[in-house]
Amino acid sequence: MGKLDIANPEKVTLWSIRDDKRTFDIRDDRIRSWWAKKLSEARVEVLILDCVRPVLDVLGLDQDRDAGKFLEPLAQLLAEAGIDAAIITQHMGHEGTRTRGDSRWREWPDVEWRIKKRQKGQDRSPRVFSAFGRDVDVDEFVLEFDSDLNTLLARGAPVNSGARRKAERAARTQAAQLTILRALMDAASPLGTRAIRKVAMAEGHAQDVVEVARKNAIADGLITTERGAMLWHSITDKGRSRVGE
């Protein structure tokens, strides 16, 4: 806790159940009462369970179907211990759109906090935070990793999700357009639509983005076509000319 620079460490109590997660089988009345007494004696006001999946596995509960079998006893525990607030961490699923597993994970809490990668599939991608629920609506903002504290801190500027998506799509479209123009400049002869699409997609650009990029390039006068053969041309500073001519 010292590395996290917690201002009042005496107000934080840590219980590790890593080696025996069955000790948190709160479906059992006796175990739940034992934990309720322990938490009450420690004067816990906020209970944080990180992370819930390993506990479910040890207890033989399926995260896709049995969330309620754990969440209802947890609600009882909170009531018995006199705890007003709890935070349960669960991994994201459904391609980062919501909590993994049973819909009860979303129905049970008052508020959902989300931390996800800004760029899917990129381990080093910055993380973004957002929250939504009862009387809560926090748009996405970037989190910064503090290596000294080994934690994520809310130092980033708020990010308007609509504007962010628009900006990111514009950047992807521009990158695809540059790929198209580069392919035309490097080609020994004019390239057809299929060839252009194949080259751009081979560079990792999505097909729909490539289509927007080529249409924008035509509209901006960067390239032109002959409708019959759909051959692509580049436009140089000397005027329109076929690539390779």
C-alpha atoms as a PDB file:
ATOM      1  CA  MET A   1       0.000   0.000   0.000  1.00  0.00           C
ATOM      2  CA  GLY A   2       2.951   2.277   0.507  1.00  0.00           C
ATOM      3  CA  LYS A   3       3.758   2.257  -3.203  1.00  0.00           C
ATOM      4  CA  LEU A   4       0.209   3.381  -3.995  1.00  0.00           C
ATOM      5  CA  ASP A   5       0.767   6.478  -1.872  1.00  0.00           C
ATOM      6  CA  ILE A   6      -2.459   5.996   0.074  1.00  0.00           C
ATOM      7  CA  ALA A   7      -2.910   8.988   2.350  1.00  0.00           C
ATOM      8  CA  ASN A   8      -4.554   7.070   5.215  1.00  0.00           C
ATOM      9  CA  PRO A   9      -3.379   3.440   5.024  1.00  0.00           C
ATOM     10  CA  GLU A  10      -4.860   2.726   8.454  1.00  0.00           C
ATOM     11  CA  LYS A  11      -8.278   3.074   6.831  1.00  0.00           C
ATOM     12  CA  VAL A  12      -7.568   0.269   4.358  1.00  0.00           C
ATOM     13  CA  THR A  13      -7.834  -3.392   5.349  1.00  0.00           C
ATOM     14  CA  LEU A  14      -6.709  -6.080   2.917  1.00  0.00           C
ATOM     15  CA  TRP A  15      -7.868  -9.699   3.041  1.00  0.00           C
ATOM     16  CA  SER A  16      -6.303 -12.049   0.518  1.00  0.00           C
ATOM     17  CA  ILE A  17      -8.260 -15.171  -0.367  1.00  0.00           C
ATOM     18  CA  ARG A  18      -5.991 -16.065  -3.275  1.00  0.00           C
ATOM     19  CA  ASP A  19      -4.928 -19.378  -1.725  1.00  0.00           C
ATOM     20  CA  ASP A  20      -8.377 -20.458  -0.539  1.00  0.00           C
ATOM     21  CA  LYS A  21     -11.221 -18.749  -2.339  1.00  0.00           C
ATOM     22  CA  ARG A  22     -13.742 -21.129  -0.791  1.00  0.00           C
ATOM     23  CA  THR A  23     -13.465 -19.097   2.379  1.00  0.00           C
ATOM     24  CA  PHE A  24     -15.677 -16.565   0.561  1.00  0.00           C
ATOM     25  CA  ASP A  25     -18.527 -18.954  -0.207  1.00  0.00           C
ATOM     26  CA  ILE A  26     -21.097 -16.500   1.124  1.00  0.00           C
ATOM     27  CA  ARG A  27     -23.935 -18.746  -0.062  1.00  0.00           C
ATOM     28  CA  ASP A  28     -23.289 -20.617   3.179  1.00  0.00           C
ATOM     29  CA  ASP A  29     -25.105 -18.825   6.021  1.00  0.00           C
ATOM     30  CA  ARG A  30     -22.360 -19.553   8.538  1.00  0.00           C
ATOM     31  CA  ILE A  31     -19.582 -18.292   6.284  1.00  0.00           C
ATOM     32  CA  ARG A  32     -21.566 -15.201   5.343  1.00  0.00           C
ATOM     33  CA  SER A  33     -22.242 -14.416   9.024  1.00  0.00           C
ATOM     34  CA  TRP A  34     -18.540 -14.864   9.821  1.00  0.00           C
ATOM     35  CA  TRP A  35     -17.555 -12.388   7.091  1.00  0.00           C
ATOM     36  CA  ALA A  36     -20.307  -9.973   8.127  1.00  0.00           C
ATOM     37  CA  LYS A  37     -18.933  -9.902  11.672  1.00  0.00           C
ATOM     38  CA  LYS A  38     -15.353  -9.523  10.421  1.00  0.00           C
ATOM     39  CA  LEU A  39     -16.245  -6.648   8.116  1.00  0.00           C
ATOM     40  CA  SER A  40     -18.360  -4.961  10.770  1.00  0.00           C
ATOM     41  CA  GLU A  41     -15.603  -5.154  13.355  1.00  0.00           C
ATOM     42  CA  ALA A  42     -13.201  -3.595  10.855  1.00  0.00           C
ATOM     43  CA  ARG A  43     -15.751  -0.804  10.339  1.00  0.00           C
ATOM     44  CA  VAL A  44     -15.717  -1.327   6.565  1.00  0.00           C
ATOM     45  CA  GLU A  45     -17.692   1.308   4.700  1.00  0.00           C
ATOM     46  CA  VAL A  46     -16.791   0.296   1.132  1.00  0.00           C
ATOM     47  CA  LEU A  47     -16.136  -3.324   0.138  1.00  0.00           C
ATOM     48  CA  ILE A  48     -14.000  -3.939  -2.960  1.00  0.00           C
ATOM     49  CA  LEU A  49     -13.919  -7.452  -4.447  1.00  0.00           C
ATOM     50  CA  ASP A  50     -11.136  -7.819  -7.006  1.00  0.00           C
ATOM     51  CA  CYS A  51     -11.723  -9.870  -8.991  1.00  0.00           C
ATOM     52  CA  VAL A  52     -14.941 -11.914  -8.882  1.00  0.00           C
ATOM     53  CA  ARG A  53     -14.222 -14.470 -11.643  1.00  0.00           C
ATOM     54  CA  PRO A  54     -11.733 -16.678  -9.688  1.00  0.00           C
ATOM     55  CA  VAL A  55     -14.203 -16.901  -6.796  1.00  0.00           C
ATOM     56  CA  LEU A  56     -16.967 -18.019  -9.156  1.00  0.00           C
ATOM     57  CA  ASP A  57     -14.716 -20.674 -10.667  1.00  0.00           C
ATOM     58  CA  VAL A  58     -13.794 -22.179  -7.297  1.00  0.00           C
ATOM     59  CA  LEU A  59     -17.436 -22.183  -6.196  1.00  0.00           C
ATOM     60  CA  GLY A  60     -18.495 -23.914  -9.399  1.00  0.00           C
ATOM     61  CA  LEU A  61     -20.610 -20.985 -10.609  1.00  0.00           C
ATOM     62  CA  ASP A  62     -20.911 -20.076 -14.286  1.00  0.00           C
ATOM     63  CA  GLN A  63     -20.417 -16.370 -14.963  1.00  0.00           C
ATOM     64  CA  ASP A  64     -22.754 -16.669 -17.957  1.00  0.00           C
ATOM     65  CA  ARG A  65     -25.705 -18.089 -15.985  1.00  0.00           C
ATOM     66  CA  ASP A  66     -25.125 -18.006 -12.231  1.00  0.00           C
ATOM     67  CA  ALA A  67     -24.378 -14.362 -11.425  1.00  0.00           C
ATOM     68  CA  GLY A  68     -27.520 -14.062  -9.337  1.00  0.00           C
ATOM     69  CA  LYS A  69     -26.496 -17.008  -7.173  1.00  0.00           C
ATOM     70  CA  PHE A  70     -23.511 -14.976  -6.019  1.00  0.00           C
ATOM     71  CA  LEU A  71     -24.855 -11.430  -6.144  1.00  0.00           C
ATOM     72  CA  GLU A  72     -27.899 -12.081  -3.944  1.00  0.00           C
ATOM     73  CA  PRO A  73     -25.817 -13.542  -1.065  1.00  0.00           C
ATOM     74  CA  LEU A  74     -23.416 -10.622  -1.543  1.00  0.00           C
ATOM     75  CA  ALA A  75     -26.291  -8.170  -1.093  1.00  0.00           C
ATOM     76  CA  GLN A  76     -27.203 -10.025   2.108  1.00  0.00           C
ATOM     77  CA  LEU A  77     -23.611  -9.788   3.321  1.00  0.00           C
ATOM     78  CA  LEU A  78     -23.525  -6.055   2.744  1.00  0.00           C
ATOM     79  CA  ALA A  79     -26.766  -5.606   4.672  1.00  0.00           C
ATOM     80  CA  GLU A  80     -25.627  -7.787   7.580  1.00  0.00           C
ATOM     81  CA  ALA A  81     -22.275  -5.965   7.793  1.00  0.00           C
ATOM     82  CA  GLY A  82     -23.856  -2.531   7.497  1.00  0.00           C
ATOM     83  CA  ILE A  83     -21.904  -1.678   4.349  1.00  0.00           C
ATOM     84  CA  ASP A  84     -23.474   0.959   2.116  1.00  0.00           C
ATOM     85  CA  ALA A  85     -21.222   0.657  -0.940  1.00  0.00           C
ATOM     86  CA  ALA A  86     -19.409  -2.111  -2.811  1.00  0.00           C
ATOM     87  CA  ILE A  87     -17.219  -2.283  -5.890  1.00  0.00           C
ATOM     88  CA  ILE A  88     -16.985  -5.559  -7.808  1.00  0.00           C
ATOM     89  CA  THR A  89     -14.479  -5.886 -10.638  1.00  0.00           C
ATOM     90  CA  GLN A  90     -15.307  -8.096 -13.586  1.00  0.00           C
ATOM     91  CA  HIS A  91     -13.581  -8.445 -16.947  1.00  0.00           C
ATOM     92  CA  MET A  92     -15.031  -6.810 -20.047  1.00  0.00           C
ATOM     93  CA  GLY A  93     -16.608  -8.991 -22.706  1.00  0.00           C
ATOM     94  CA  HIS A  94     -18.599  -8.702 -25.929  1.00  0.00           C
ATOM     95  CA  GLU A  95     -15.655  -7.006 -27.685  1.00  0.00           C
ATOM     96  CA  GLY A  96     -15.291  -4.424 -24.936  1.00  0.00           C
ATOM     97  CA  THR A  97     -18.879  -3.182 -25.039  1.00  0.00           C
ATOM     98  CA  ARG A  98     -20.047  -4.513 -21.655  1.00  0.00           C
ATOM     99  CA  THR A  99     -19.306  -6.814 -18.751  1.00  0.00           C
ATOM    100  CA  ARG A 100     -18.497 -10.410 -19.602  1.00  0.00           C
ATOM    101  CA  GLY A 101     -21.182 -13.023 -18.903  1.00  0.00           C
ATOM    102  CA  ASP A 102     -24.650 -12.927 -17.335  1.00  0.00           C
ATOM    103  CA  SER A 103     -26.761  -9.764 -17.820  1.00  0.00           C
ATOM    104  CA  ARG A 104     -27.263  -9.733 -14.050  1.00  0.00           C
ATOM    105  CA  TRP A 105     -23.789  -8.220 -13.766  1.00  0.00           C
ATOM    106  CA  ARG A 106     -25.300  -5.110 -15.373  1.00  0.00           C
ATOM    107  CA  GLU A 107     -28.688  -5.222 -13.651  1.00  0.00           C
ATOM    108  CA  TRP A 108     -27.375  -5.593 -10.083  1.00  0.00           C
ATOM    109  CA  PRO A 109     -25.189  -2.475  -9.629  1.00  0.00           C
ATOM    110  CA  ASP A 110     -26.416   1.099  -9.457  1.00  0.00           C
ATOM    111  CA  VAL A 111     -23.522   2.302 -11.611  1.00  0.00           C
ATOM    112  CA  GLU A 112     -21.190   0.705 -14.148  1.00  0.00           C
ATOM    113  CA  TRP A 113     -17.584   1.887 -14.270  1.00  0.00           C
ATOM    114  CA  ARG A 114     -15.708   0.854 -17.394  1.00  0.00           C
ATOM    115  CA  ILE A 115     -11.986   0.773 -18.051  1.00  0.00           C
ATOM    116  CA  LYS A 116     -11.010  -0.423 -21.500  1.00  0.00           C
ATOM    117  CA  LYS A 117      -8.316  -0.087 -24.116  1.00  0.00           C
ATOM    118  CA  ARG A 118      -8.656   2.867 -26.431  1.00  0.00           C
ATOM    119  CA  GLN A 119      -7.401   0.743 -29.332  1.00  0.00           C
ATOM    120  CA  LYS A 120      -8.644  -2.839 -29.388  1.00  0.00           C
ATOM    121  CA  GLY A 121      -5.971  -5.523 -29.542  1.00  0.00           C
ATOM    122  CA  GLN A 122      -3.189  -3.119 -28.555  1.00  0.00           C
ATOM    123  CA  ASP A 123      -1.756  -4.094 -25.167  1.00  0.00           C
ATOM    124  CA  ARG A 124       0.072  -0.789 -24.801  1.00  0.00           C
ATOM    125  CA  SER A 125      -2.961   1.263 -25.776  1.00  0.00           C
ATOM    126  CA  PRO A 126      -3.999   4.018 -23.342  1.00  0.00           C
ATOM    127  CA  ARG A 127      -6.964   3.101 -21.157  1.00  0.00           C
ATOM    128  CA  VAL A 128     -10.160   5.127 -21.038  1.00  0.00           C
ATOM    129  CA  PHE A 129     -12.649   5.410 -18.182  1.00  0.00           C
ATOM    130  CA  SER A 130     -16.390   6.020 -18.334  1.00  0.00           C
ATOM    131  CA  ALA A 131     -19.326   5.541 -15.966  1.00  0.00           C
ATOM    132  CA  PHE A 132     -23.077   5.363 -16.342  1.00  0.00           C
ATOM    133  CA  GLY A 133     -25.925   4.558 -14.003  1.00  0.00           C
ATOM    134  CA  ARG A 134     -28.246   6.055 -11.441  1.00  0.00           C
ATOM    135  CA  ASP A 135     -27.562   9.825 -11.392  1.00  0.00           C
ATOM    136  CA  VAL A 136     -24.186   9.148 -13.048  1.00  0.00           C
ATOM    137  CA  ASP A 137     -23.146   9.915 -16.631  1.00  0.00           C
ATOM    138  CA  VAL A 138     -19.394  10.328 -17.143  1.00  0.00           C
ATOM    139  CA  ASP A 139     -18.162  10.409 -20.735  1.00  0.00           C
ATOM    140  CA  GLU A 140     -14.913   8.689 -21.636  1.00  0.00           C
ATOM    141  CA  PHE A 141     -11.618  10.247 -20.610  1.00  0.00           C
ATOM    142  CA  VAL A 142      -8.072   8.997 -20.886  1.00  0.00           C
ATOM    143  CA  LEU A 143      -6.292   7.434 -17.909  1.00  0.00           C
ATOM    144  CA  GLU A 144      -2.553   7.813 -17.464  1.00  0.00           C
ATOM    145  CA  PHE A 145      -0.307   5.089 -16.065  1.00  0.00           C
ATOM    146  CA  ASP A 146       1.963   6.227 -13.262  1.00  0.00           C
ATOM    147  CA  SER A 147       4.915   3.825 -13.159  1.00  0.00           C
ATOM    148  CA  ASP A 148       6.029   5.110  -9.759  1.00  0.00           C
ATOM    149  CA  LEU A 149       2.668   4.349  -8.188  1.00  0.00           C
ATOM    150  CA  ASN A 150       2.043   1.358 -10.485  1.00  0.00           C
ATOM    151  CA  THR A 151      -1.524   2.455 -11.068  1.00  0.00           C
ATOM    152  CA  LEU A 152      -3.843   4.317 -13.424  1.00  0.00           C
ATOM    153  CA  LEU A 153      -4.641   7.921 -12.571  1.00  0.00           C
ATOM    154  CA  ALA A 154      -7.447  10.136 -13.831  1.00  0.00           C
ATOM    155  CA  ARG A 155      -5.210  12.838 -15.256  1.00  0.00           C
ATOM    156  CA  GLY A 156      -6.308  12.774 -18.851  1.00  0.00           C
ATOM    157  CA  ALA A 157      -8.630  15.363 -20.346  1.00  0.00           C
ATOM    158  CA  PRO A 158     -12.270  14.323 -20.863  1.00  0.00           C
ATOM    159  CA  VAL A 159     -12.936  12.810 -24.268  1.00  0.00           C
ATOM    160  CA  ASN A 160     -16.239  13.400 -26.025  1.00  0.00           C
ATOM    161  CA  SER A 161     -17.003   9.938 -27.352  1.00  0.00           C
ATOM    162  CA  GLY A 162     -18.870  11.191 -30.444  1.00  0.00           C
ATOM    163  CA  ALA A 163     -16.135  13.647 -31.393  1.00  0.00           C
ATOM    164  CA  ARG A 164     -13.463  11.056 -30.597  1.00  0.00           C
ATOM    165  CA  ARG A 165     -15.035   8.449 -32.867  1.00  0.00           C
ATOM    166  CA  LYS A 166     -15.383  11.014 -35.654  1.00  0.00           C
ATOM    167  CA  ALA A 167     -11.739  12.060 -35.296  1.00  0.00           C
ATOM    168  CA  GLU A 168     -10.502   8.471 -35.201  1.00  0.00           C
ATOM    169  CA  ARG A 169     -12.498   7.570 -38.318  1.00  0.00           C
ATOM    170  CA  ALA A 170     -11.167  10.627 -40.126  1.00  0.00           C
ATOM    171  CA  ALA A 171      -7.630   9.567 -39.225  1.00  0.00           C
ATOM    172  CA  ARG A 172      -8.245   6.025 -40.508  1.00  0.00           C
ATOM    173  CA  THR A 173      -9.721   7.400 -43.733  1.00  0.00           C
ATOM    174  CA  GLN A 174      -6.738   9.702 -44.279  1.00  0.00           C
ATOM    175  CA  ALA A 175      -4.314   6.838 -43.685  1.00  0.00           C
ATOM    176  CA  ALA A 176      -6.164   4.676 -46.215  1.00  0.00           C
ATOM    177  CA  GLN A 177      -6.124   7.514 -48.713  1.00  0.00           C
ATOM    178  CA  LEU A 178      -2.355   7.894 -48.350  1.00  0.00           C
ATOM    179  CA  THR A 179      -1.976   4.154 -48.967  1.00  0.00           C
ATOM    180  CA  ILE A 180      -4.026   4.466 -52.160  1.00  0.00           C
ATOM    181  CA  LEU A 181      -2.035   7.440 -53.442  1.00  0.00           C
ATOM    182  CA  ARG A 182       1.255   5.726 -52.610  1.00  0.00           C
ATOM    183  CA  ALA A 183       0.152   2.600 -54.501  1.00  0.00           C
ATOM    184  CA  LEU A 184      -0.734   4.700 -57.552  1.00  0.00           C
ATOM    185  CA  MET A 185       2.608   6.483 -57.497  1.00  0.00           C
ATOM    186  CA  ASP A 186       4.508   3.202 -57.217  1.00  0.00           C
ATOM    187  CA  ALA A 187       2.513   1.372 -59.909  1.00  0.00           C
ATOM    188  CA  ALA A 188       3.934   0.946 -63.412  1.00  0.00           C
ATOM    189  CA  SER A 189       0.456   1.280 -64.952  1.00  0.00           C
ATOM    190  CA  PRO A 190      -3.051   2.424 -63.909  1.00  0.00           C
ATOM    191  CA  LEU A 191      -4.697   0.300 -61.222  1.00  0.00           C
ATOM    192  CA  GLY A 192      -8.265  -0.941 -61.228  1.00  0.00           C
ATOM    193  CA  THR A 193     -10.681  -0.587 -58.306  1.00  0.00           C
ATOM    194  CA  ARG A 194     -10.204  -4.185 -57.148  1.00  0.00           C
ATOM    195  CA  ALA A 195      -6.429  -3.824 -57.230  1.00  0.00           C
ATOM    196  CA  ILE A 196      -6.589  -0.625 -55.186  1.00  0.00           C
ATOM    197  CA  ARG A 197      -8.909  -2.241 -52.653  1.00  0.00           C
ATOM    198  CA  LYS A 198      -6.670  -5.299 -52.374  1.00  0.00           C
ATOM    199  CA  VAL A 199      -3.540  -3.218 -51.779  1.00  0.00           C
ATOM    200  CA  ALA A 200      -5.195  -1.041 -49.129  1.00  0.00           C
ATOM    201  CA  MET A 201      -6.783  -3.971 -47.282  1.00  0.00           C
ATOM    202  CA  ALA A 202      -3.446  -5.795 -47.314  1.00  0.00           C
ATOM    203  CA  GLU A 203      -2.083  -2.807 -45.380  1.00  0.00           C
ATOM    204  CA  GLY A 204      -4.746  -3.367 -42.709  1.00  0.00           C
ATOM    205  CA  HIS A 205      -7.366  -0.846 -43.828  1.00  0.00           C
ATOM    206  CA  ALA A 206     -11.005  -1.931 -43.497  1.00  0.00           C
ATOM    207  CA  GLN A 207     -12.952  -2.204 -46.741  1.00  0.00           C
ATOM    208  CA  ASP A 208     -15.562   0.382 -45.772  1.00  0.00           C
ATOM    209  CA  VAL A 209     -12.809   2.853 -44.844  1.00  0.00           C
ATOM    210  CA  VAL A 210     -11.059   2.238 -48.176  1.00  0.00           C
ATOM    211  CA  GLU A 211     -14.291   2.979 -50.043  1.00  0.00           C
ATOM    212  CA  VAL A 212     -14.732   6.278 -48.216  1.00  0.00           C
ATOM    213  CA  ALA A 213     -11.066   7.136 -48.781  1.00  0.00           C
ATOM    214  CA  ARG A 214     -11.200   6.570 -52.546  1.00  0.00           C
ATOM    215  CA  LYS A 215     -14.466   8.523 -52.892  1.00  0.00           C
ATOM    216  CA  ASN A 216     -12.969  11.402 -50.924  1.00  0.00           C
ATOM    217  CA  ALA A 217      -9.841  11.309 -53.081  1.00  0.00           C
ATOM    218  CA  ILE A 218     -11.972  11.567 -56.229  1.00  0.00           C
ATOM    219  CA  ALA A 219     -14.079  14.380 -54.749  1.00  0.00           C
ATOM    220  CA  ASP A 220     -10.944  16.279 -53.749  1.00  0.00           C
ATOM    221  CA  GLY A 221      -9.466  15.917 -57.220  1.00  0.00           C
ATOM    222  CA  LEU A 222      -6.528  13.819 -56.046  1.00  0.00           C
ATOM    223  CA  ILE A 223      -7.349  10.936 -58.402  1.00  0.00           C
ATOM    224  CA  THR A 224      -9.689  10.425 -61.342  1.00  0.00           C
ATOM    225  CA  THR A 225     -11.162   7.449 -63.187  1.00  0.00           C
ATOM    226  CA  GLU A 226     -12.291   6.339 -66.590  1.00  0.00           C
ATOM    227  CA  ARG A 227     -15.757   4.981 -65.932  1.00  0.00           C
ATOM    228  CA  GLY A 228     -15.691   2.169 -68.444  1.00  0.00           C
ATOM    229  CA  ALA A 229     -12.558   0.415 -67.226  1.00  0.00           C
ATOM    230  CA  MET A 230     -12.547   1.981 -63.753  1.00  0.00           C
ATOM    231  CA  LEU A 231      -8.841   2.645 -64.036  1.00  0.00           C
ATOM    232  CA  TRP A 232      -7.287   4.847 -61.423  1.00  0.00           C
ATOM    233  CA  HIS A 233      -5.050   7.797 -62.282  1.00  0.00           C
ATOM    234  CA  SER A 234      -2.997  10.092 -60.135  1.00  0.00           C
ATOM    235  CA  ILE A 235      -2.943  13.872 -60.389  1.00  0.00           C
ATOM    236  CA  THR A 236       0.500  15.431 -60.340  1.00  0.00           C
ATOM    237  CA  ASP A 237       1.485  19.057 -59.943  1.00  0.00           C
ATOM    238  CA  LYS A 238       1.829  19.134 -63.754  1.00  0.00           C
ATOM    239  CA  GLY A 239      -1.774  18.151 -64.262  1.00  0.00           C
ATOM    240  CA  ARG A 240      -3.632  14.893 -64.668  1.00  0.00           C
ATOM    241  CA  SER A 241      -1.610  11.958 -65.898  1.00  0.00           C
ATOM    242  CA  ARG A 242      -1.802   8.225 -65.788  1.00  0.00           C
ATOM    243  CA  VAL A 243       0.551   6.508 -63.399  1.00  0.00           C
ATOM    244  CA  GLY A 244       3.548   5.239 -65.324  1.00  0.00           C
ATOM    245  CA  GLU A 245       3.069   7.594 -68.247  1.00  0.00           C
END
